[in-house]
């Protein structure tokens, strides 16, 4: 019987049982792709990570990220949580970790309170890219809202990425808490929109000055609602900066309130020669340790 150690952490929170849950298999050598996918489904979190030796010894690790149903090229809270776990094992280098992922190299800076590791901040691996726009009426139908709740003054609902694609839509703050995903509508929009490439994760956000409130629905991938979505949040920060004239910006984002798992994400975006880049960071709390038996 083979044994594979794992740890779970709550990400983007300072309170246990808040934030977004993550399972980290700290040494995934010997696991097949199918076994990683099966373990991610068994853990039943929005994502599970598997840590492997890096292809380039200058980097910390190769990190693979699986949802319940498929592998992800990049994701926010899995990187923050994985860095937190590995840094607690002393695997950082002067507070820095470098993860090889499908979307590119992810640099992570660890946060400390004295000698204690408290969290991390990641730089998204790609500059902002946008593709298709979607009708406000379709977004409203998917989220149980009225078309008037979908705000289009700043931008139409659109597909965007800093490493993995989400559909971003700005909504009225008063409507955000009433949103409820409609699975049939998600399927209908996905099937009618080739530009979604078969996947449809919807990130709704509302602005309140420099603060943001958000919710994320991905029922087609098995995540009815996500309590903290770092990659979508970083994409939103990059998008907001791209719509204005400033060189950089910083925001705080809260998510997971409606789920009883409040999360706080710290966002930054800045302009570079290659486009708008973004980072996302926050605190983490350790929860469980165990072994998978295969």
C-alpha atoms as a PDB file:
ATOM      1  CA  UNK A   1       0.000   0.000   0.000  1.00  0.00           C
ATOM      2  CA  UNK A   2       1.305   3.440  -0.974  1.00  0.00           C
ATOM      3  CA  UNK A   3       0.885   6.421   1.348  1.00  0.00           C
ATOM      4  CA  UNK A   4       0.742  10.080   0.300  1.00  0.00           C
ATOM      5  CA  UNK A   5       0.737  12.800   2.940  1.00  0.00           C
ATOM      6  CA  UNK A   6      -1.557  15.782   2.607  1.00  0.00           C
ATOM      7  CA  UNK A   7      -2.396  18.911   4.577  1.00  0.00           C
ATOM      8  CA  UNK A   8      -5.449  21.121   4.393  1.00  0.00           C
ATOM      9  CA  UNK A   9      -5.545  24.863   4.923  1.00  0.00           C
ATOM     10  CA  UNK A  10      -8.150  27.595   4.857  1.00  0.00           C
ATOM     11  CA  UNK A  11      -6.967  30.303   2.469  1.00  0.00           C
ATOM     12  CA  UNK A  12      -7.675  34.055   2.505  1.00  0.00           C
ATOM     13  CA  UNK A  13      -8.709  34.071   6.142  1.00  0.00           C
ATOM     14  CA  UNK A  14      -7.240  34.436   9.613  1.00  0.00           C
ATOM     15  CA  UNK A  15     -10.034  32.309  11.107  1.00  0.00           C
ATOM     16  CA  UNK A  16     -10.222  28.534  10.881  1.00  0.00           C
ATOM     17  CA  UNK A  17     -13.275  27.367   8.909  1.00  0.00           C
ATOM     18  CA  UNK A  18     -13.388  30.633   6.992  1.00  0.00           C
ATOM     19  CA  UNK A  19     -11.885  31.316   3.580  1.00  0.00           C
ATOM     20  CA  UNK A  20     -11.431  28.691   0.872  1.00  0.00           C
ATOM     21  CA  UNK A  21     -10.457  25.118   1.668  1.00  0.00           C
ATOM     22  CA  UNK A  22      -7.430  23.564  -0.005  1.00  0.00           C
ATOM     23  CA  UNK A  23      -5.782  20.161   0.183  1.00  0.00           C
ATOM     24  CA  UNK A  24      -2.048  20.015  -0.571  1.00  0.00           C
ATOM     25  CA  UNK A  25      -0.268  16.745  -1.337  1.00  0.00           C
ATOM     26  CA  UNK A  26       3.254  17.780  -0.417  1.00  0.00           C
ATOM     27  CA  UNK A  27       5.057  14.988  -2.302  1.00  0.00           C
ATOM     28  CA  UNK A  28       3.060  13.651  -5.248  1.00  0.00           C
ATOM     29  CA  UNK A  29       5.846  11.611  -6.806  1.00  0.00           C
ATOM     30  CA  UNK A  30       4.432   8.266  -7.924  1.00  0.00           C
ATOM     31  CA  UNK A  31       0.874   9.480  -8.448  1.00  0.00           C
ATOM     32  CA  UNK A  32      -0.580   9.115 -11.939  1.00  0.00           C
ATOM     33  CA  UNK A  33      -2.744  11.769 -13.564  1.00  0.00           C
ATOM     34  CA  UNK A  34      -5.809   9.609 -12.994  1.00  0.00           C
ATOM     35  CA  UNK A  35      -4.934   9.154  -9.317  1.00  0.00           C
ATOM     36  CA  UNK A  36      -4.483  12.901  -8.842  1.00  0.00           C
ATOM     37  CA  UNK A  37      -7.866  13.534 -10.420  1.00  0.00           C
ATOM     38  CA  UNK A  38      -9.485  10.832  -8.287  1.00  0.00           C
ATOM     39  CA  UNK A  39      -7.946  12.244  -5.105  1.00  0.00           C
ATOM     40  CA  UNK A  40      -9.151  15.748  -5.983  1.00  0.00           C
ATOM     41  CA  UNK A  41     -12.662  14.400  -6.465  1.00  0.00           C
ATOM     42  CA  UNK A  42     -12.404  12.496  -3.177  1.00  0.00           C
ATOM     43  CA  UNK A  43     -11.247  15.578  -1.247  1.00  0.00           C
ATOM     44  CA  UNK A  44     -14.253  17.400  -2.764  1.00  0.00           C
ATOM     45  CA  UNK A  45     -12.723  20.869  -2.413  1.00  0.00           C
ATOM     46  CA  UNK A  46     -12.831  23.404  -5.224  1.00  0.00           C
ATOM     47  CA  UNK A  47      -9.140  22.605  -5.846  1.00  0.00           C
ATOM     48  CA  UNK A  48      -6.433  20.223  -4.639  1.00  0.00           C
ATOM     49  CA  UNK A  49      -2.722  20.641  -5.380  1.00  0.00           C
ATOM     50  CA  UNK A  50       0.010  18.100  -5.993  1.00  0.00           C
ATOM     51  CA  UNK A  51       3.636  19.108  -5.446  1.00  0.00           C
ATOM     52  CA  UNK A  52       6.322  17.583  -7.663  1.00  0.00           C
ATOM     53  CA  UNK A  53      10.032  18.270  -8.224  1.00  0.00           C
ATOM     54  CA  UNK A  54      10.636  21.208 -10.575  1.00  0.00           C
ATOM     55  CA  UNK A  55      11.869  20.689 -14.118  1.00  0.00           C
ATOM     56  CA  UNK A  56      14.262  23.607 -13.564  1.00  0.00           C
ATOM     57  CA  UNK A  57      16.224  23.245 -10.296  1.00  0.00           C
ATOM     58  CA  UNK A  58      16.212  27.044  -9.951  1.00  0.00           C
ATOM     59  CA  UNK A  59      12.511  26.794  -9.127  1.00  0.00           C
ATOM     60  CA  UNK A  60      10.882  25.473  -5.964  1.00  0.00           C
ATOM     61  CA  UNK A  61       8.416  22.940  -7.331  1.00  0.00           C
ATOM     62  CA  UNK A  62       6.136  21.899 -10.116  1.00  0.00           C
ATOM     63  CA  UNK A  63       2.582  22.346  -8.865  1.00  0.00           C
ATOM     64  CA  UNK A  64      -0.421  20.676 -10.473  1.00  0.00           C
ATOM     65  CA  UNK A  65      -3.897  21.932  -9.620  1.00  0.00           C
ATOM     66  CA  UNK A  66      -7.031  19.806  -9.975  1.00  0.00           C
ATOM     67  CA  UNK A  67     -10.681  20.661  -9.458  1.00  0.00           C
ATOM     68  CA  UNK A  68     -13.186  17.880  -8.832  1.00  0.00           C
ATOM     69  CA  UNK A  69     -13.387  17.295 -12.588  1.00  0.00           C
ATOM     70  CA  UNK A  70     -10.298  18.606 -14.416  1.00  0.00           C
ATOM     71  CA  UNK A  71      -6.797  20.055 -14.183  1.00  0.00           C
ATOM     72  CA  UNK A  72      -6.344  23.842 -14.024  1.00  0.00           C
ATOM     73  CA  UNK A  73      -3.508  25.774 -15.713  1.00  0.00           C
ATOM     74  CA  UNK A  74      -3.379  28.224 -12.802  1.00  0.00           C
ATOM     75  CA  UNK A  75      -5.487  29.250  -9.817  1.00  0.00           C
ATOM     76  CA  UNK A  76      -5.159  31.766  -7.007  1.00  0.00           C
ATOM     77  CA  UNK A  77      -6.001  30.230  -3.655  1.00  0.00           C
ATOM     78  CA  UNK A  78      -4.213  26.931  -4.464  1.00  0.00           C
ATOM     79  CA  UNK A  79      -0.961  28.817  -5.022  1.00  0.00           C
ATOM     80  CA  UNK A  80      -1.323  30.927  -1.890  1.00  0.00           C
ATOM     81  CA  UNK A  81      -2.204  27.879   0.223  1.00  0.00           C
ATOM     82  CA  UNK A  82       0.471  25.642  -1.280  1.00  0.00           C
ATOM     83  CA  UNK A  83       3.122  28.284  -0.664  1.00  0.00           C
ATOM     84  CA  UNK A  84       1.918  28.626   2.926  1.00  0.00           C
ATOM     85  CA  UNK A  85       2.234  24.872   3.502  1.00  0.00           C
ATOM     86  CA  UNK A  86       5.640  24.527   1.841  1.00  0.00           C
ATOM     87  CA  UNK A  87       7.054  27.577   3.626  1.00  0.00           C
ATOM     88  CA  UNK A  88       5.989  26.050   6.937  1.00  0.00           C
ATOM     89  CA  UNK A  89       8.162  23.081   5.905  1.00  0.00           C
ATOM     90  CA  UNK A  90      11.081  25.427   5.215  1.00  0.00           C
ATOM     91  CA  UNK A  91      10.958  25.022   1.447  1.00  0.00           C
ATOM     92  CA  UNK A  92      11.018  28.741   0.616  1.00  0.00           C
ATOM     93  CA  UNK A  93      14.206  30.675  -0.211  1.00  0.00           C
ATOM     94  CA  UNK A  94      14.345  33.928   1.748  1.00  0.00           C
ATOM     95  CA  UNK A  95      10.548  34.070   1.667  1.00  0.00           C
ATOM     96  CA  UNK A  96      10.250  33.380  -2.075  1.00  0.00           C
ATOM     97  CA  UNK A  97       8.875  30.333  -3.897  1.00  0.00           C
ATOM     98  CA  UNK A  98       8.670  29.732  -7.638  1.00  0.00           C
ATOM     99  CA  UNK A  99       6.070  27.290  -8.954  1.00  0.00           C
ATOM    100  CA  UNK A 100       6.085  25.773 -12.429  1.00  0.00           C
ATOM    101  CA  UNK A 101       2.530  25.497 -13.751  1.00  0.00           C
ATOM    102  CA  UNK A 102       0.765  24.997 -17.057  1.00  0.00           C
ATOM    103  CA  UNK A 103       0.074  28.738 -17.382  1.00  0.00           C
ATOM    104  CA  UNK A 104       3.678  29.663 -16.637  1.00  0.00           C
ATOM    105  CA  UNK A 105       5.942  30.440 -13.711  1.00  0.00           C
ATOM    106  CA  UNK A 106       4.204  31.691 -10.552  1.00  0.00           C
ATOM    107  CA  UNK A 107       6.281  33.659  -8.065  1.00  0.00           C
ATOM    108  CA  UNK A 108       5.055  33.675  -4.469  1.00  0.00           C
ATOM    109  CA  UNK A 109       6.202  35.884  -1.613  1.00  0.00           C
ATOM    110  CA  UNK A 110       5.572  34.477   1.866  1.00  0.00           C
ATOM    111  CA  UNK A 111       4.218  36.655   4.692  1.00  0.00           C
ATOM    112  CA  UNK A 112       5.537  36.264   8.252  1.00  0.00           C
ATOM    113  CA  UNK A 113       4.660  37.428  11.745  1.00  0.00           C
ATOM    114  CA  UNK A 114       8.026  36.995  13.414  1.00  0.00           C
ATOM    115  CA  UNK A 115       9.044  33.407  12.720  1.00  0.00           C
ATOM    116  CA  UNK A 116       5.485  32.304  11.927  1.00  0.00           C
ATOM    117  CA  UNK A 117       4.322  31.937   8.329  1.00  0.00           C
ATOM    118  CA  UNK A 118       0.957  33.681   8.039  1.00  0.00           C
ATOM    119  CA  UNK A 119       0.118  33.748   4.331  1.00  0.00           C
ATOM    120  CA  UNK A 120       1.432  34.603   0.886  1.00  0.00           C
ATOM    121  CA  UNK A 121       1.052  36.824  -2.159  1.00  0.00           C
ATOM    122  CA  UNK A 122       1.283  35.510  -5.712  1.00  0.00           C
ATOM    123  CA  UNK A 123       2.012  37.287  -8.967  1.00  0.00           C
ATOM    124  CA  UNK A 124      -0.271  36.000 -11.717  1.00  0.00           C
ATOM    125  CA  UNK A 125       1.754  34.314 -14.477  1.00  0.00           C
ATOM    126  CA  UNK A 126       0.281  36.212 -17.433  1.00  0.00           C
ATOM    127  CA  UNK A 127      -0.733  39.777 -18.293  1.00  0.00           C
ATOM    128  CA  UNK A 128      -4.419  40.545 -18.715  1.00  0.00           C
ATOM    129  CA  UNK A 129      -6.078  39.192 -21.834  1.00  0.00           C
ATOM    130  CA  UNK A 130      -9.731  39.551 -22.806  1.00  0.00           C
ATOM    131  CA  UNK A 131     -11.724  37.743 -25.437  1.00  0.00           C
ATOM    132  CA  UNK A 132     -15.484  37.597 -25.970  1.00  0.00           C
ATOM    133  CA  UNK A 133     -18.291  39.689 -24.516  1.00  0.00           C
ATOM    134  CA  UNK A 134     -21.554  38.121 -23.372  1.00  0.00           C
ATOM    135  CA  UNK A 135     -25.042  39.660 -23.335  1.00  0.00           C
ATOM    136  CA  UNK A 136     -26.140  41.080 -19.963  1.00  0.00           C
ATOM    137  CA  UNK A 137     -29.406  39.188 -20.369  1.00  0.00           C
ATOM    138  CA  UNK A 138     -27.538  35.874 -20.497  1.00  0.00           C
ATOM    139  CA  UNK A 139     -25.535  36.690 -17.367  1.00  0.00           C
ATOM    140  CA  UNK A 140     -28.704  37.748 -15.562  1.00  0.00           C
ATOM    141  CA  UNK A 141     -30.416  34.477 -16.497  1.00  0.00           C
ATOM    142  CA  UNK A 142     -27.451  32.416 -15.277  1.00  0.00           C
ATOM    143  CA  UNK A 143     -27.348  34.195 -11.912  1.00  0.00           C
ATOM    144  CA  UNK A 144     -31.050  34.642 -11.162  1.00  0.00           C
ATOM    145  CA  UNK A 145     -30.849  38.415 -11.522  1.00  0.00           C
ATOM    146  CA  UNK A 146     -32.608  41.011 -13.632  1.00  0.00           C
ATOM    147  CA  UNK A 147     -30.845  42.394 -16.717  1.00  0.00           C
ATOM    148  CA  UNK A 148     -30.859  45.826 -15.074  1.00  0.00           C
ATOM    149  CA  UNK A 149     -28.734  44.374 -12.243  1.00  0.00           C
ATOM    150  CA  UNK A 150     -25.853  43.789 -14.694  1.00  0.00           C
ATOM    151  CA  UNK A 151     -23.877  47.024 -15.040  1.00  0.00           C
ATOM    152  CA  UNK A 152     -22.323  47.799 -18.410  1.00  0.00           C
ATOM    153  CA  UNK A 153     -21.140  51.406 -17.982  1.00  0.00           C
ATOM    154  CA  UNK A 154     -17.537  50.329 -17.297  1.00  0.00           C
ATOM    155  CA  UNK A 155     -17.525  47.149 -19.363  1.00  0.00           C
ATOM    156  CA  UNK A 156     -19.865  44.534 -20.768  1.00  0.00           C
ATOM    157  CA  UNK A 157     -19.684  41.048 -19.249  1.00  0.00           C
ATOM    158  CA  UNK A 158     -16.539  39.596 -20.759  1.00  0.00           C
ATOM    159  CA  UNK A 159     -14.179  36.666 -20.661  1.00  0.00           C
ATOM    160  CA  UNK A 160     -10.780  37.589 -19.233  1.00  0.00           C
ATOM    161  CA  UNK A 161      -7.662  35.957 -17.798  1.00  0.00           C
ATOM    162  CA  UNK A 162      -4.330  36.460 -16.061  1.00  0.00           C
ATOM    163  CA  UNK A 163      -3.670  32.715 -16.287  1.00  0.00           C
ATOM    164  CA  UNK A 164      -7.121  31.107 -16.381  1.00  0.00           C
ATOM    165  CA  UNK A 165     -10.327  32.433 -17.945  1.00  0.00           C
ATOM    166  CA  UNK A 166     -13.416  33.661 -16.111  1.00  0.00           C
ATOM    167  CA  UNK A 167     -16.433  35.605 -17.244  1.00  0.00           C
ATOM    168  CA  UNK A 168     -16.411  38.859 -15.259  1.00  0.00           C
ATOM    169  CA  UNK A 169     -19.578  40.883 -14.760  1.00  0.00           C
ATOM    170  CA  UNK A 170     -20.127  43.989 -12.650  1.00  0.00           C
ATOM    171  CA  UNK A 171     -23.460  44.015 -10.812  1.00  0.00           C
ATOM    172  CA  UNK A 172     -25.387  46.287  -8.508  1.00  0.00           C
ATOM    173  CA  UNK A 173     -24.207  45.911  -4.908  1.00  0.00           C
ATOM    174  CA  UNK A 174     -27.803  45.497  -3.730  1.00  0.00           C
ATOM    175  CA  UNK A 175     -28.315  42.588  -6.142  1.00  0.00           C
ATOM    176  CA  UNK A 176     -25.117  40.668  -5.448  1.00  0.00           C
ATOM    177  CA  UNK A 177     -26.394  38.896  -2.345  1.00  0.00           C
ATOM    178  CA  UNK A 178     -29.518  37.657  -4.125  1.00  0.00           C
ATOM    179  CA  UNK A 179     -27.698  35.929  -7.003  1.00  0.00           C
ATOM    180  CA  UNK A 180     -28.422  32.211  -7.412  1.00  0.00           C
ATOM    181  CA  UNK A 181     -26.900  30.103 -10.198  1.00  0.00           C
ATOM    182  CA  UNK A 182     -29.227  28.424 -12.679  1.00  0.00           C
ATOM    183  CA  UNK A 183     -27.577  25.231 -13.919  1.00  0.00           C
ATOM    184  CA  UNK A 184     -29.746  24.921 -17.028  1.00  0.00           C
ATOM    185  CA  UNK A 185     -28.928  28.486 -18.061  1.00  0.00           C
ATOM    186  CA  UNK A 186     -25.210  27.908 -17.503  1.00  0.00           C
ATOM    187  CA  UNK A 187     -25.375  24.916 -19.817  1.00  0.00           C
ATOM    188  CA  UNK A 188     -27.378  26.827 -22.415  1.00  0.00           C
ATOM    189  CA  UNK A 189     -24.942  29.757 -22.485  1.00  0.00           C
ATOM    190  CA  UNK A 190     -21.909  27.468 -22.614  1.00  0.00           C
ATOM    191  CA  UNK A 191     -23.363  25.412 -25.462  1.00  0.00           C
ATOM    192  CA  UNK A 192     -24.422  28.499 -27.429  1.00  0.00           C
ATOM    193  CA  UNK A 193     -21.080  30.303 -27.003  1.00  0.00           C
ATOM    194  CA  UNK A 194     -18.131  28.611 -28.752  1.00  0.00           C
ATOM    195  CA  UNK A 195     -15.795  31.314 -27.412  1.00  0.00           C
ATOM    196  CA  UNK A 196     -16.163  29.857 -23.914  1.00  0.00           C
ATOM    197  CA  UNK A 197     -14.307  26.755 -25.135  1.00  0.00           C
ATOM    198  CA  UNK A 198     -16.584  24.448 -23.161  1.00  0.00           C
ATOM    199  CA  UNK A 199     -15.993  26.010 -19.709  1.00  0.00           C
ATOM    200  CA  UNK A 200     -17.962  28.709 -17.971  1.00  0.00           C
ATOM    201  CA  UNK A 201     -17.073  30.147 -14.569  1.00  0.00           C
ATOM    202  CA  UNK A 202     -18.903  33.358 -13.662  1.00  0.00           C
ATOM    203  CA  UNK A 203     -17.407  35.983 -11.346  1.00  0.00           C
ATOM    204  CA  UNK A 204     -19.857  38.666 -10.224  1.00  0.00           C
ATOM    205  CA  UNK A 205     -18.468  41.732  -8.480  1.00  0.00           C
ATOM    206  CA  UNK A 206     -19.730  45.017  -7.077  1.00  0.00           C
ATOM    207  CA  UNK A 207     -17.595  48.073  -6.380  1.00  0.00           C
ATOM    208  CA  UNK A 208     -17.710  50.242  -3.279  1.00  0.00           C
ATOM    209  CA  UNK A 209     -14.901  52.772  -3.637  1.00  0.00           C
ATOM    210  CA  UNK A 210     -11.598  50.902  -3.418  1.00  0.00           C
ATOM    211  CA  UNK A 211     -13.338  47.861  -1.895  1.00  0.00           C
ATOM    212  CA  UNK A 212     -14.949  45.084  -3.897  1.00  0.00           C
ATOM    213  CA  UNK A 213     -17.567  42.448  -3.003  1.00  0.00           C
ATOM    214  CA  UNK A 214     -17.719  39.336  -5.145  1.00  0.00           C
ATOM    215  CA  UNK A 215     -19.246  35.911  -5.713  1.00  0.00           C
ATOM    216  CA  UNK A 216     -18.140  33.150  -8.089  1.00  0.00           C
ATOM    217  CA  UNK A 217     -20.270  30.365  -9.583  1.00  0.00           C
ATOM    218  CA  UNK A 218     -18.908  27.410 -11.557  1.00  0.00           C
ATOM    219  CA  UNK A 219     -21.662  24.765 -11.317  1.00  0.00           C
ATOM    220  CA  UNK A 220     -20.633  23.083 -14.573  1.00  0.00           C
ATOM    221  CA  UNK A 221     -17.283  22.224 -12.975  1.00  0.00           C
ATOM    222  CA  UNK A 222     -18.800  21.016  -9.699  1.00  0.00           C
ATOM    223  CA  UNK A 223     -18.344  24.238  -7.704  1.00  0.00           C
ATOM    224  CA  UNK A 224     -21.795  25.664  -7.059  1.00  0.00           C
ATOM    225  CA  UNK A 225     -20.195  28.651  -5.341  1.00  0.00           C
ATOM    226  CA  UNK A 226     -16.598  29.415  -4.389  1.00  0.00           C
ATOM    227  CA  UNK A 227     -15.781  31.273  -1.150  1.00  0.00           C
ATOM    228  CA  UNK A 228     -12.563  32.875  -2.458  1.00  0.00           C
ATOM    229  CA  UNK A 229     -11.356  32.926  -6.048  1.00  0.00           C
ATOM    230  CA  UNK A 230      -7.884  34.442  -6.207  1.00  0.00           C
ATOM    231  CA  UNK A 231      -7.311  34.107  -9.946  1.00  0.00           C
ATOM    232  CA  UNK A 232     -10.649  35.733 -10.826  1.00  0.00           C
ATOM    233  CA  UNK A 233     -10.031  38.465  -8.249  1.00  0.00           C
ATOM    234  CA  UNK A 234      -6.603  39.223  -9.715  1.00  0.00           C
ATOM    235  CA  UNK A 235      -8.152  39.290 -13.183  1.00  0.00           C
ATOM    236  CA  UNK A 236     -10.753  41.778 -11.942  1.00  0.00           C
ATOM    237  CA  UNK A 237      -8.038  44.024 -10.513  1.00  0.00           C
ATOM    238  CA  UNK A 238      -6.158  43.932 -13.812  1.00  0.00           C
ATOM    239  CA  UNK A 239      -9.334  44.688 -15.734  1.00  0.00           C
ATOM    240  CA  UNK A 240     -10.243  47.655 -13.536  1.00  0.00           C
ATOM    241  CA  UNK A 241      -6.786  49.135 -13.927  1.00  0.00           C
ATOM    242  CA  UNK A 242      -6.929  48.654 -17.688  1.00  0.00           C
ATOM    243  CA  UNK A 243     -10.152  50.677 -17.841  1.00  0.00           C
ATOM    244  CA  UNK A 244      -8.586  53.714 -16.141  1.00  0.00           C
ATOM    245  CA  UNK A 245      -5.575  55.900 -16.681  1.00  0.00           C
ATOM    246  CA  UNK A 246      -3.553  55.207 -13.537  1.00  0.00           C
ATOM    247  CA  UNK A 247      -0.264  53.300 -13.546  1.00  0.00           C
ATOM    248  CA  UNK A 248      -1.143  51.032 -10.621  1.00  0.00           C
ATOM    249  CA  UNK A 249      -3.918  50.313  -8.167  1.00  0.00           C
ATOM    250  CA  UNK A 250      -4.746  48.375  -5.002  1.00  0.00           C
ATOM    251  CA  UNK A 251      -8.042  47.013  -3.727  1.00  0.00           C
ATOM    252  CA  UNK A 252      -9.433  44.750  -1.025  1.00  0.00           C
ATOM    253  CA  UNK A 253     -12.012  42.161  -2.015  1.00  0.00           C
ATOM    254  CA  UNK A 254     -14.397  40.203   0.191  1.00  0.00           C
ATOM    255  CA  UNK A 255     -16.040  36.975  -0.916  1.00  0.00           C
ATOM    256  CA  UNK A 256     -17.755  33.988   0.675  1.00  0.00           C
ATOM    257  CA  UNK A 257     -20.030  36.067   2.921  1.00  0.00           C
ATOM    258  CA  UNK A 258     -23.195  34.374   1.670  1.00  0.00           C
ATOM    259  CA  UNK A 259     -21.594  30.947   2.237  1.00  0.00           C
ATOM    260  CA  UNK A 260     -20.614  31.589   5.838  1.00  0.00           C
ATOM    261  CA  UNK A 261     -16.925  31.407   4.863  1.00  0.00           C
ATOM    262  CA  UNK A 262     -15.848  35.062   4.742  1.00  0.00           C
ATOM    263  CA  UNK A 263     -12.646  35.697   2.803  1.00  0.00           C
ATOM    264  CA  UNK A 264     -10.412  38.744   2.425  1.00  0.00           C
ATOM    265  CA  UNK A 265      -8.159  39.120  -0.619  1.00  0.00           C
ATOM    266  CA  UNK A 266      -5.588  41.875  -1.177  1.00  0.00           C
ATOM    267  CA  UNK A 267      -5.240  42.844  -4.829  1.00  0.00           C
ATOM    268  CA  UNK A 268      -2.750  44.910  -6.795  1.00  0.00           C
ATOM    269  CA  UNK A 269      -2.423  45.665 -10.500  1.00  0.00           C
ATOM    270  CA  UNK A 270       0.212  47.573 -12.428  1.00  0.00           C
ATOM    271  CA  UNK A 271       1.114  48.433 -15.998  1.00  0.00           C
ATOM    272  CA  UNK A 272       4.141  46.887 -17.690  1.00  0.00           C
ATOM    273  CA  UNK A 273       5.539  46.904 -21.198  1.00  0.00           C
ATOM    274  CA  UNK A 274       3.818  43.581 -21.863  1.00  0.00           C
ATOM    275  CA  UNK A 275       0.444  44.599 -20.430  1.00  0.00           C
ATOM    276  CA  UNK A 276      -1.380  44.853 -17.118  1.00  0.00           C
ATOM    277  CA  UNK A 277      -0.149  42.439 -14.446  1.00  0.00           C
ATOM    278  CA  UNK A 278      -1.767  41.618 -11.106  1.00  0.00           C
ATOM    279  CA  UNK A 279      -1.160  39.962  -7.754  1.00  0.00           C
ATOM    280  CA  UNK A 280      -3.364  38.531  -5.031  1.00  0.00           C
ATOM    281  CA  UNK A 281      -2.513  37.721  -1.428  1.00  0.00           C
ATOM    282  CA  UNK A 282      -3.914  36.937   1.959  1.00  0.00           C
ATOM    283  CA  UNK A 283      -3.661  34.953   5.155  1.00  0.00           C
ATOM    284  CA  UNK A 284      -3.953  31.188   5.695  1.00  0.00           C
ATOM    285  CA  UNK A 285      -4.814  28.895   8.607  1.00  0.00           C
ATOM    286  CA  UNK A 286      -3.735  25.224   8.904  1.00  0.00           C
ATOM    287  CA  UNK A 287      -6.563  22.761   9.549  1.00  0.00           C
ATOM    288  CA  UNK A 288      -5.843  19.055   8.956  1.00  0.00           C
ATOM    289  CA  UNK A 289      -3.046  16.578   8.228  1.00  0.00           C
ATOM    290  CA  UNK A 290      -3.459  13.043   6.932  1.00  0.00           C
ATOM    291  CA  UNK A 291      -2.496  10.337   4.482  1.00  0.00           C
ATOM    292  CA  UNK A 292      -4.106   8.969   1.354  1.00  0.00           C
ATOM    293  CA  UNK A 293      -3.782   5.200   1.022  1.00  0.00           C
ATOM    294  CA  UNK A 294      -3.537   3.849  -2.506  1.00  0.00           C
END
